[in-house]
Amino acid sequence: MPKFNAEVIIEGKKNARDPEGETIMRDLMMKHGYKMVSSVRSGKILKVIVEARDASEAEAICWKMVNELRIYNPVAHSCSIKIID
C-alpha cells in the first residue's frame, strides 16, 4: 500500500489570543529591530506518514486521527490537513 506524507496544521483561531506569537513579535520588534513585521501567530505542524490507497483516504485517516485523539481543541483552534505527495 502506498505511503503519503501529510501535514496536520493546528493554529489558534483568528480572534483567540496567542501569547507565544505575541512574545515572538515583541522580541522581533524590540530586541532585533524588525519593525517591518506587523504580526506573528504561532501554531503546530504534525508531519505524519500514512499508508492508504489514495490521497483522499490518507486525508480521511488523518481527520479521523485528530478528531478521535483530540489532538486539537475545535473551540480554540482551527485544523487543516495537506497531503504533500
PDB file of N, CA and C in Angstrom:
ATOM      1  N   MET A   1       0.848  -1.178   0.000  1.00  0.00           N
ATOM      2  CA  MET A   1       0.000   0.000   0.000  1.00  0.00           C
ATOM      3  C   MET A   1       0.897   1.245   0.000  1.00  0.00           C
ATOM      4  N   PRO A   2       0.549   2.264  -0.803  1.00  0.00           N
ATOM      5  CA  PRO A   2       1.383   3.469  -0.867  1.00  0.00           C
ATOM      6  C   PRO A   2       1.381   4.259   0.442  1.00  0.00           C
ATOM      7  N   LYS A   3       2.455   5.010   0.627  1.00  0.00           N
ATOM      8  CA  LYS A   3       2.573   5.886   1.800  1.00  0.00           C
ATOM      9  C   LYS A   3       2.434   7.336   1.340  1.00  0.00           C
ATOM     10  N   PHE A   4       1.744   8.117   2.166  1.00  0.00           N
ATOM     11  CA  PHE A   4       1.523   9.523   1.863  1.00  0.00           C
ATOM     12  C   PHE A   4       2.059  10.373   3.007  1.00  0.00           C
ATOM     13  N   ASN A   5       2.705  11.479   2.644  1.00  0.00           N
ATOM     14  CA  ASN A   5       3.154  12.452   3.635  1.00  0.00           C
ATOM     15  C   ASN A   5       2.040  13.458   3.847  1.00  0.00           C
ATOM     16  N   ALA A   6       1.659  13.632   5.098  1.00  0.00           N
ATOM     17  CA  ALA A   6       0.594  14.568   5.430  1.00  0.00           C
ATOM     18  C   ALA A   6       1.105  15.576   6.443  1.00  0.00           C
ATOM     19  N   GLU A   7       0.611  16.790   6.333  1.00  0.00           N
ATOM     20  CA  GLU A   7       0.870  17.821   7.332  1.00  0.00           C
ATOM     21  C   GLU A   7      -0.442  18.192   7.994  1.00  0.00           C
ATOM     22  N   VAL A   8      -0.497  18.036   9.299  1.00  0.00           N
ATOM     23  CA  VAL A   8      -1.645  18.453  10.096  1.00  0.00           C
ATOM     24  C   VAL A   8      -1.252  19.794  10.711  1.00  0.00           C
ATOM     25  N   ILE A   9      -1.963  20.849  10.314  1.00  0.00           N
ATOM     26  CA  ILE A   9      -1.614  22.201  10.734  1.00  0.00           C
ATOM     27  C   ILE A   9      -2.662  22.690  11.735  1.00  0.00           C
ATOM     28  N   ILE A  10      -2.198  23.011  12.940  1.00  0.00           N
ATOM     29  CA  ILE A  10      -3.088  23.455  14.019  1.00  0.00           C
ATOM     30  C   ILE A  10      -2.708  24.892  14.375  1.00  0.00           C
ATOM     31  N   GLU A  11      -3.694  25.774  14.290  1.00  0.00           N
ATOM     32  CA  GLU A  11      -3.467  27.190  14.575  1.00  0.00           C
ATOM     33  C   GLU A  11      -4.551  27.694  15.514  1.00  0.00           C
ATOM     34  N   GLY A  12      -4.221  28.724  16.268  1.00  0.00           N
ATOM     35  CA  GLY A  12      -5.232  29.375  17.086  1.00  0.00           C
ATOM     36  C   GLY A  12      -6.235  30.076  16.190  1.00  0.00           C
ATOM     37  N   LYS A  13      -7.489  30.112  16.614  1.00  0.00           N
ATOM     38  CA  LYS A  13      -8.499  30.816  15.830  1.00  0.00           C
ATOM     39  C   LYS A  13      -8.146  32.294  15.750  1.00  0.00           C
ATOM     40  N   LYS A  14      -8.649  32.938  14.714  1.00  0.00           N
ATOM     41  CA  LYS A  14      -8.298  34.316  14.386  1.00  0.00           C
ATOM     42  C   LYS A  14      -8.416  35.275  15.573  1.00  0.00           C
ATOM     43  N   ASN A  15      -9.483  35.209  16.325  1.00  0.00           N
ATOM     44  CA  ASN A  15      -9.705  36.155  17.419  1.00  0.00           C
ATOM     45  C   ASN A  15      -9.171  35.676  18.767  1.00  0.00           C
ATOM     46  N   ALA A  16      -8.602  34.477  18.810  1.00  0.00           N
ATOM     47  CA  ALA A  16      -8.056  33.945  20.067  1.00  0.00           C
ATOM     48  C   ALA A  16      -6.698  34.586  20.346  1.00  0.00           C
ATOM     49  N   ARG A  17      -6.422  34.832  21.582  1.00  0.00           N
ATOM     50  CA  ARG A  17      -5.129  35.382  21.994  1.00  0.00           C
ATOM     51  C   ARG A  17      -4.034  34.353  21.737  1.00  0.00           C
ATOM     52  N   ASP A  18      -2.851  34.809  21.372  1.00  0.00           N
ATOM     53  CA  ASP A  18      -1.716  33.928  21.065  1.00  0.00           C
ATOM     54  C   ASP A  18      -0.486  34.424  21.832  1.00  0.00           C
ATOM     55  N   PRO A  19      -0.350  34.037  23.118  1.00  0.00           N
ATOM     56  CA  PRO A  19       0.772  34.541  23.923  1.00  0.00           C
ATOM     57  C   PRO A  19       2.140  34.220  23.329  1.00  0.00           C
ATOM     58  N   GLU A  20       2.296  33.045  22.742  1.00  0.00           N
ATOM     59  CA  GLU A  20       3.595  32.685  22.150  1.00  0.00           C
ATOM     60  C   GLU A  20       3.901  33.589  20.954  1.00  0.00           C
ATOM     61  N   GLY A  21       2.924  33.789  20.097  1.00  0.00           N
ATOM     62  CA  GLY A  21       3.109  34.685  18.957  1.00  0.00           C
ATOM     63  C   GLY A  21       3.384  36.110  19.390  1.00  0.00           C
ATOM     64  N   GLU A  22       2.684  36.553  20.446  1.00  0.00           N
ATOM     65  CA  GLU A  22       2.891  37.911  20.966  1.00  0.00           C
ATOM     66  C   GLU A  22       4.314  38.082  21.496  1.00  0.00           C
ATOM     67  N   THR A  23       4.827  37.071  22.172  1.00  0.00           N
ATOM     68  CA  THR A  23       6.188  37.124  22.706  1.00  0.00           C
ATOM     69  C   THR A  23       7.204  37.182  21.571  1.00  0.00           C
ATOM     70  N   ILE A  24       7.020  36.354  20.564  1.00  0.00           N
ATOM     71  CA  ILE A  24       7.927  36.369  19.414  1.00  0.00           C
ATOM     72  C   ILE A  24       7.878  37.733  18.736  1.00  0.00           C
ATOM     73  N   MET A  25       6.691  38.252  18.566  1.00  0.00           N
ATOM     74  CA  MET A  25       6.514  39.568  17.936  1.00  0.00           C
ATOM     75  C   MET A  25       7.238  40.654  18.730  1.00  0.00           C
ATOM     76  N   ARG A  26       7.041  40.648  20.030  1.00  0.00           N
ATOM     77  CA  ARG A  26       7.682  41.641  20.898  1.00  0.00           C
ATOM     78  C   ARG A  26       9.209  41.541  20.782  1.00  0.00           C
ATOM     79  N   ASP A  27       9.741  40.323  20.801  1.00  0.00           N
ATOM     80  CA  ASP A  27      11.187  40.130  20.693  1.00  0.00           C
ATOM     81  C   ASP A  27      11.711  40.583  19.332  1.00  0.00           C
ATOM     82  N   LEU A  28      10.971  40.291  18.265  1.00  0.00           N
ATOM     83  CA  LEU A  28      11.397  40.723  16.932  1.00  0.00           C
ATOM     84  C   LEU A  28      11.449  42.240  16.844  1.00  0.00           C
ATOM     85  N   MET A  29      10.396  42.870  17.327  1.00  0.00           N
ATOM     86  CA  MET A  29      10.310  44.319  17.193  1.00  0.00           C
ATOM     87  C   MET A  29      11.263  45.051  18.120  1.00  0.00           C
ATOM     88  N   MET A  30      11.267  44.697  19.388  1.00  0.00           N
ATOM     89  CA  MET A  30      12.012  45.476  20.380  1.00  0.00           C
ATOM     90  C   MET A  30      13.490  45.107  20.435  1.00  0.00           C
ATOM     91  N   LYS A  31      13.784  43.829  20.402  1.00  0.00           N
ATOM     92  CA  LYS A  31      15.169  43.413  20.612  1.00  0.00           C
ATOM     93  C   LYS A  31      15.994  43.365  19.328  1.00  0.00           C
ATOM     94  N   HIS A  32      15.338  43.122  18.203  1.00  0.00           N
ATOM     95  CA  HIS A  32      16.121  42.889  16.986  1.00  0.00           C
ATOM     96  C   HIS A  32      15.782  43.836  15.844  1.00  0.00           C
ATOM     97  N   GLY A  33      14.886  44.776  16.080  1.00  0.00           N
ATOM     98  CA  GLY A  33      14.644  45.829  15.107  1.00  0.00           C
ATOM     99  C   GLY A  33      13.849  45.446  13.870  1.00  0.00           C
ATOM    100  N   TYR A  34      13.071  44.386  13.916  1.00  0.00           N
ATOM    101  CA  TYR A  34      12.260  44.002  12.762  1.00  0.00           C
ATOM    102  C   TYR A  34      10.920  44.734  12.791  1.00  0.00           C
ATOM    103  N   LYS A  35      10.982  46.036  12.622  1.00  0.00           N
ATOM    104  CA  LYS A  35       9.773  46.862  12.691  1.00  0.00           C
ATOM    105  C   LYS A  35       8.853  46.637  11.496  1.00  0.00           C
ATOM    106  N   MET A  36       9.367  45.998  10.427  1.00  0.00           N
ATOM    107  CA  MET A  36       8.546  45.737   9.246  1.00  0.00           C
ATOM    108  C   MET A  36       7.605  44.551   9.447  1.00  0.00           C
ATOM    109  N   VAL A  37       7.790  43.780  10.515  1.00  0.00           N
ATOM    110  CA  VAL A  37       6.905  42.653  10.825  1.00  0.00           C
ATOM    111  C   VAL A  37       5.722  43.189  11.622  1.00  0.00           C
ATOM    112  N   SER A  38       4.509  42.963  11.110  1.00  0.00           N
ATOM    113  CA  SER A  38       3.337  43.535  11.767  1.00  0.00           C
ATOM    114  C   SER A  38       2.519  42.517  12.561  1.00  0.00           C
ATOM    115  N   SER A  39       2.783  41.225  12.374  1.00  0.00           N
ATOM    116  CA  SER A  39       2.011  40.226  13.105  1.00  0.00           C
ATOM    117  C   SER A  39       2.732  38.886  13.096  1.00  0.00           C
ATOM    118  N   VAL A  40       2.632  38.165  14.202  1.00  0.00           N
ATOM    119  CA  VAL A  40       3.174  36.810  14.301  1.00  0.00           C
ATOM    120  C   VAL A  40       2.131  35.956  15.001  1.00  0.00           C
ATOM    121  N   ARG A  41       1.792  34.821  14.420  1.00  0.00           N
ATOM    122  CA  ARG A  41       0.889  33.842  15.033  1.00  0.00           C
ATOM    123  C   ARG A  41       1.645  32.525  15.103  1.00  0.00           C
ATOM    124  N   SER A  42       1.532  31.833  16.209  1.00  0.00           N
ATOM    125  CA  SER A  42       2.204  30.546  16.352  1.00  0.00           C
ATOM    126  C   SER A  42       1.210  29.427  16.079  1.00  0.00           C
ATOM    127  N   GLY A  43       1.736  28.253  15.870  1.00  0.00           N
ATOM    128  CA  GLY A  43       0.911  27.078  15.617  1.00  0.00           C
ATOM    129  C   GLY A  43       1.757  25.825  15.708  1.00  0.00           C
ATOM    130  N   LYS A  44       1.168  24.710  15.303  1.00  0.00           N
ATOM    131  CA  LYS A  44       1.877  23.427  15.303  1.00  0.00           C
ATOM    132  C   LYS A  44       1.688  22.761  13.955  1.00  0.00           C
ATOM    133  N   ILE A  45       2.719  22.063  13.510  1.00  0.00           N
ATOM    134  CA  ILE A  45       2.605  21.211  12.330  1.00  0.00           C
ATOM    135  C   ILE A  45       3.016  19.808  12.746  1.00  0.00           C
ATOM    136  N   LEU A  46       2.134  18.864  12.505  1.00  0.00           N
ATOM    137  CA  LEU A  46       2.449  17.456  12.720  1.00  0.00           C
ATOM    138  C   LEU A  46       2.702  16.844  11.359  1.00  0.00           C
ATOM    139  N   LYS A  47       3.852  16.239  11.183  1.00  0.00           N
ATOM    140  CA  LYS A  47       4.163  15.566   9.922  1.00  0.00           C
ATOM    141  C   LYS A  47       3.919  14.081  10.128  1.00  0.00           C
ATOM    142  N   VAL A  48       3.013  13.540   9.321  1.00  0.00           N
ATOM    143  CA  VAL A  48       2.551  12.174   9.507  1.00  0.00           C
ATOM    144  C   VAL A  48       2.736  11.409   8.198  1.00  0.00           C
ATOM    145  N   ILE A  49       3.221  10.188   8.284  1.00  0.00           N
ATOM    146  CA  ILE A  49       3.289   9.304   7.121  1.00  0.00           C
ATOM    147  C   ILE A  49       2.171   8.285   7.274  1.00  0.00           C
ATOM    148  N   VAL A  50       1.296   8.215   6.262  1.00  0.00           N
ATOM    149  CA  VAL A  50       0.087   7.405   6.336  1.00  0.00           C
ATOM    150  C   VAL A  50       0.067   6.406   5.180  1.00  0.00           C
ATOM    151  N   GLU A  51      -0.209   5.160   5.496  1.00  0.00           N
ATOM    152  CA  GLU A  51      -0.434   4.166   4.446  1.00  0.00           C
ATOM    153  C   GLU A  51      -1.913   4.191   4.076  1.00  0.00           C
ATOM    154  N   ALA A  52      -2.192   4.386   2.787  1.00  0.00           N
ATOM    155  CA  ALA A  52      -3.575   4.458   2.320  1.00  0.00           C
ATOM    156  C   ALA A  52      -3.621   4.118   0.830  1.00  0.00           C
ATOM    157  N   ARG A  53      -4.824   3.854   0.339  1.00  0.00           N
ATOM    158  CA  ARG A  53      -4.983   3.534  -1.087  1.00  0.00           C
ATOM    159  C   ARG A  53      -4.744   4.743  -1.976  1.00  0.00           C
ATOM    160  N   ASP A  54      -5.160   5.930  -1.490  1.00  0.00           N
ATOM    161  CA  ASP A  54      -5.001   7.147  -2.278  1.00  0.00           C
ATOM    162  C   ASP A  54      -4.952   8.351  -1.336  1.00  0.00           C
ATOM    163  N   ALA A  55      -4.748   9.530  -1.916  1.00  0.00           N
ATOM    164  CA  ALA A  55      -4.592  10.745  -1.113  1.00  0.00           C
ATOM    165  C   ALA A  55      -5.852  11.076  -0.324  1.00  0.00           C
ATOM    166  N   SER A  56      -7.020  10.864  -0.900  1.00  0.00           N
ATOM    167  CA  SER A  56      -8.240  11.205  -0.165  1.00  0.00           C
ATOM    168  C   SER A  56      -8.448  10.276   1.027  1.00  0.00           C
ATOM    169  N   GLU A  57      -8.067   9.017   0.898  1.00  0.00           N
ATOM    170  CA  GLU A  57      -8.153   8.121   2.053  1.00  0.00           C
ATOM    171  C   GLU A  57      -7.132   8.521   3.119  1.00  0.00           C
ATOM    172  N   ALA A  58      -5.942   8.930   2.697  1.00  0.00           N
ATOM    173  CA  ALA A  58      -4.922   9.381   3.648  1.00  0.00           C
ATOM    174  C   ALA A  58      -5.418  10.592   4.426  1.00  0.00           C
ATOM    175  N   GLU A  59      -6.076  11.525   3.742  1.00  0.00           N
ATOM    176  CA  GLU A  59      -6.620  12.701   4.419  1.00  0.00           C
ATOM    177  C   GLU A  59      -7.726  12.304   5.398  1.00  0.00           C
ATOM    178  N   ALA A  60      -8.587  11.387   4.973  1.00  0.00           N
ATOM    179  CA  ALA A  60      -9.674  10.929   5.855  1.00  0.00           C
ATOM    180  C   ALA A  60      -9.119  10.254   7.103  1.00  0.00           C
ATOM    181  N   ILE A  61      -8.062   9.476   6.957  1.00  0.00           N
ATOM    182  CA  ILE A  61      -7.427   8.823   8.108  1.00  0.00           C
ATOM    183  C   ILE A  61      -6.883   9.877   9.064  1.00  0.00           C
ATOM    184  N   CYS A  62      -6.243  10.916   8.528  1.00  0.00           N
ATOM    185  CA  CYS A  62      -5.701  11.986   9.376  1.00  0.00           C
ATOM    186  C   CYS A  62      -6.812  12.714  10.122  1.00  0.00           C
ATOM    187  N   TRP A  63      -7.923  13.029   9.428  1.00  0.00           N
ATOM    188  CA  TRP A  63      -9.036  13.692  10.113  1.00  0.00           C
ATOM    189  C   TRP A  63      -9.597  12.826  11.224  1.00  0.00           C
ATOM    190  N   LYS A  64      -9.745  11.536  10.947  1.00  0.00           N
ATOM    191  CA  LYS A  64     -10.252  10.618  11.972  1.00  0.00           C
ATOM    192  C   LYS A  64      -9.315  10.614  13.179  1.00  0.00           C
ATOM    193  N   MET A  65      -8.008  10.578  12.911  1.00  0.00           N
ATOM    194  CA  MET A  65      -6.995  10.559  13.970  1.00  0.00           C
ATOM    195  C   MET A  65      -7.072  11.814  14.837  1.00  0.00           C
ATOM    196  N   VAL A  66      -7.086  13.002  14.208  1.00  0.00           N
ATOM    197  CA  VAL A  66      -7.067  14.230  15.013  1.00  0.00           C
ATOM    198  C   VAL A  66      -8.352  14.401  15.809  1.00  0.00           C
ATOM    199  N   ASN A  67      -9.464  13.938  15.270  1.00  0.00           N
ATOM    200  CA  ASN A  67     -10.736  14.062  15.986  1.00  0.00           C
ATOM    201  C   ASN A  67     -10.870  13.030  17.105  1.00  0.00           C
ATOM    202  N   GLU A  68     -10.516  11.778  16.838  1.00  0.00           N
ATOM    203  CA  GLU A  68     -10.636  10.744  17.870  1.00  0.00           C
ATOM    204  C   GLU A  68      -9.650  10.951  19.011  1.00  0.00           C
ATOM    205  N   LEU A  69      -8.437  11.388  18.682  1.00  0.00           N
ATOM    206  CA  LEU A  69      -7.408  11.557  19.706  1.00  0.00           C
ATOM    207  C   LEU A  69      -7.426  12.952  20.328  1.00  0.00           C
ATOM    208  N   ARG A  70      -8.336  13.796  19.859  1.00  0.00           N
ATOM    209  CA  ARG A  70      -8.459  15.167  20.371  1.00  0.00           C
ATOM    210  C   ARG A  70      -7.126  15.907  20.349  1.00  0.00           C
ATOM    211  N   ILE A  71      -6.480  15.859  19.203  1.00  0.00           N
ATOM    212  CA  ILE A  71      -5.181  16.498  19.035  1.00  0.00           C
ATOM    213  C   ILE A  71      -5.301  18.021  19.060  1.00  0.00           C
ATOM    214  N   TYR A  72      -6.474  18.528  18.744  1.00  0.00           N
ATOM    215  CA  TYR A  72      -6.692  19.976  18.812  1.00  0.00           C
ATOM    216  C   TYR A  72      -8.058  20.247  19.430  1.00  0.00           C
ATOM    217  N   ASN A  73      -8.219  21.460  19.927  1.00  0.00           N
ATOM    218  CA  ASN A  73      -9.480  21.889  20.532  1.00  0.00           C
ATOM    219  C   ASN A  73     -10.230  22.728  19.501  1.00  0.00           C
ATOM    220  N   PRO A  74     -11.323  22.199  18.925  1.00  0.00           N
ATOM    221  CA  PRO A  74     -12.018  22.942  17.865  1.00  0.00           C
ATOM    222  C   PRO A  74     -12.629  24.265  18.329  1.00  0.00           C
ATOM    223  N   VAL A  75     -12.776  24.459  19.628  1.00  0.00           N
ATOM    224  CA  VAL A  75     -13.294  25.733  20.135  1.00  0.00           C
ATOM    225  C   VAL A  75     -12.229  26.823  20.008  1.00  0.00           C
ATOM    226  N   ALA A  76     -10.976  26.475  20.280  1.00  0.00           N
ATOM    227  CA  ALA A  76      -9.885  27.464  20.299  1.00  0.00           C
ATOM    228  C   ALA A  76      -8.987  27.417  19.073  1.00  0.00           C
ATOM    229  N   HIS A  77      -9.002  26.301  18.335  1.00  0.00           N
ATOM    230  CA  HIS A  77      -8.060  26.124  17.233  1.00  0.00           C
ATOM    231  C   HIS A  77      -8.764  25.781  15.927  1.00  0.00           C
ATOM    232  N   SER A  78      -8.068  26.064  14.840  1.00  0.00           N
ATOM    233  CA  SER A  78      -8.506  25.558  13.546  1.00  0.00           C
ATOM    234  C   SER A  78      -7.471  24.525  13.104  1.00  0.00           C
ATOM    235  N   CYS A  79      -7.919  23.576  12.319  1.00  0.00           N
ATOM    236  CA  CYS A  79      -7.049  22.498  11.880  1.00  0.00           C
ATOM    237  C   CYS A  79      -7.226  22.324  10.381  1.00  0.00           C
ATOM    238  N   SER A  80      -6.123  22.140   9.672  1.00  0.00           N
ATOM    239  CA  SER A  80      -6.189  21.808   8.253  1.00  0.00           C
ATOM    240  C   SER A  80      -5.197  20.686   7.990  1.00  0.00           C
ATOM    241  N   ILE A  81      -5.463  19.941   6.944  1.00  0.00           N
ATOM    242  CA  ILE A  81      -4.608  18.801   6.598  1.00  0.00           C
ATOM    243  C   ILE A  81      -4.243  18.919   5.131  1.00  0.00           C
ATOM    244  N   LYS A  82      -2.937  18.792   4.858  1.00  0.00           N
ATOM    245  CA  LYS A  82      -2.441  18.811   3.490  1.00  0.00           C
ATOM    246  C   LYS A  82      -1.737  17.492   3.204  1.00  0.00           C
ATOM    247  N   ILE A  83      -2.081  16.873   2.100  1.00  0.00           N
ATOM    248  CA  ILE A  83      -1.349  15.696   1.644  1.00  0.00           C
ATOM    249  C   ILE A  83      -0.271  16.216   0.703  1.00  0.00           C
ATOM    250  N   ILE A  84       0.974  15.936   1.014  1.00  0.00           N
ATOM    251  CA  ILE A  84       2.101  16.530   0.296  1.00  0.00           C
ATOM    252  C   ILE A  84       2.409  15.801  -1.003  1.00  0.00           C
ATOM    253  N   ASP A  85       2.305  14.501  -1.005  1.00  0.00           N
ATOM    254  CA  ASP A  85       2.651  13.727  -2.214  1.00  0.00           C
ATOM    255  C   ASP A  85       1.611  13.873  -3.291  1.00  0.00           C
TER     256      ASP A  85
END
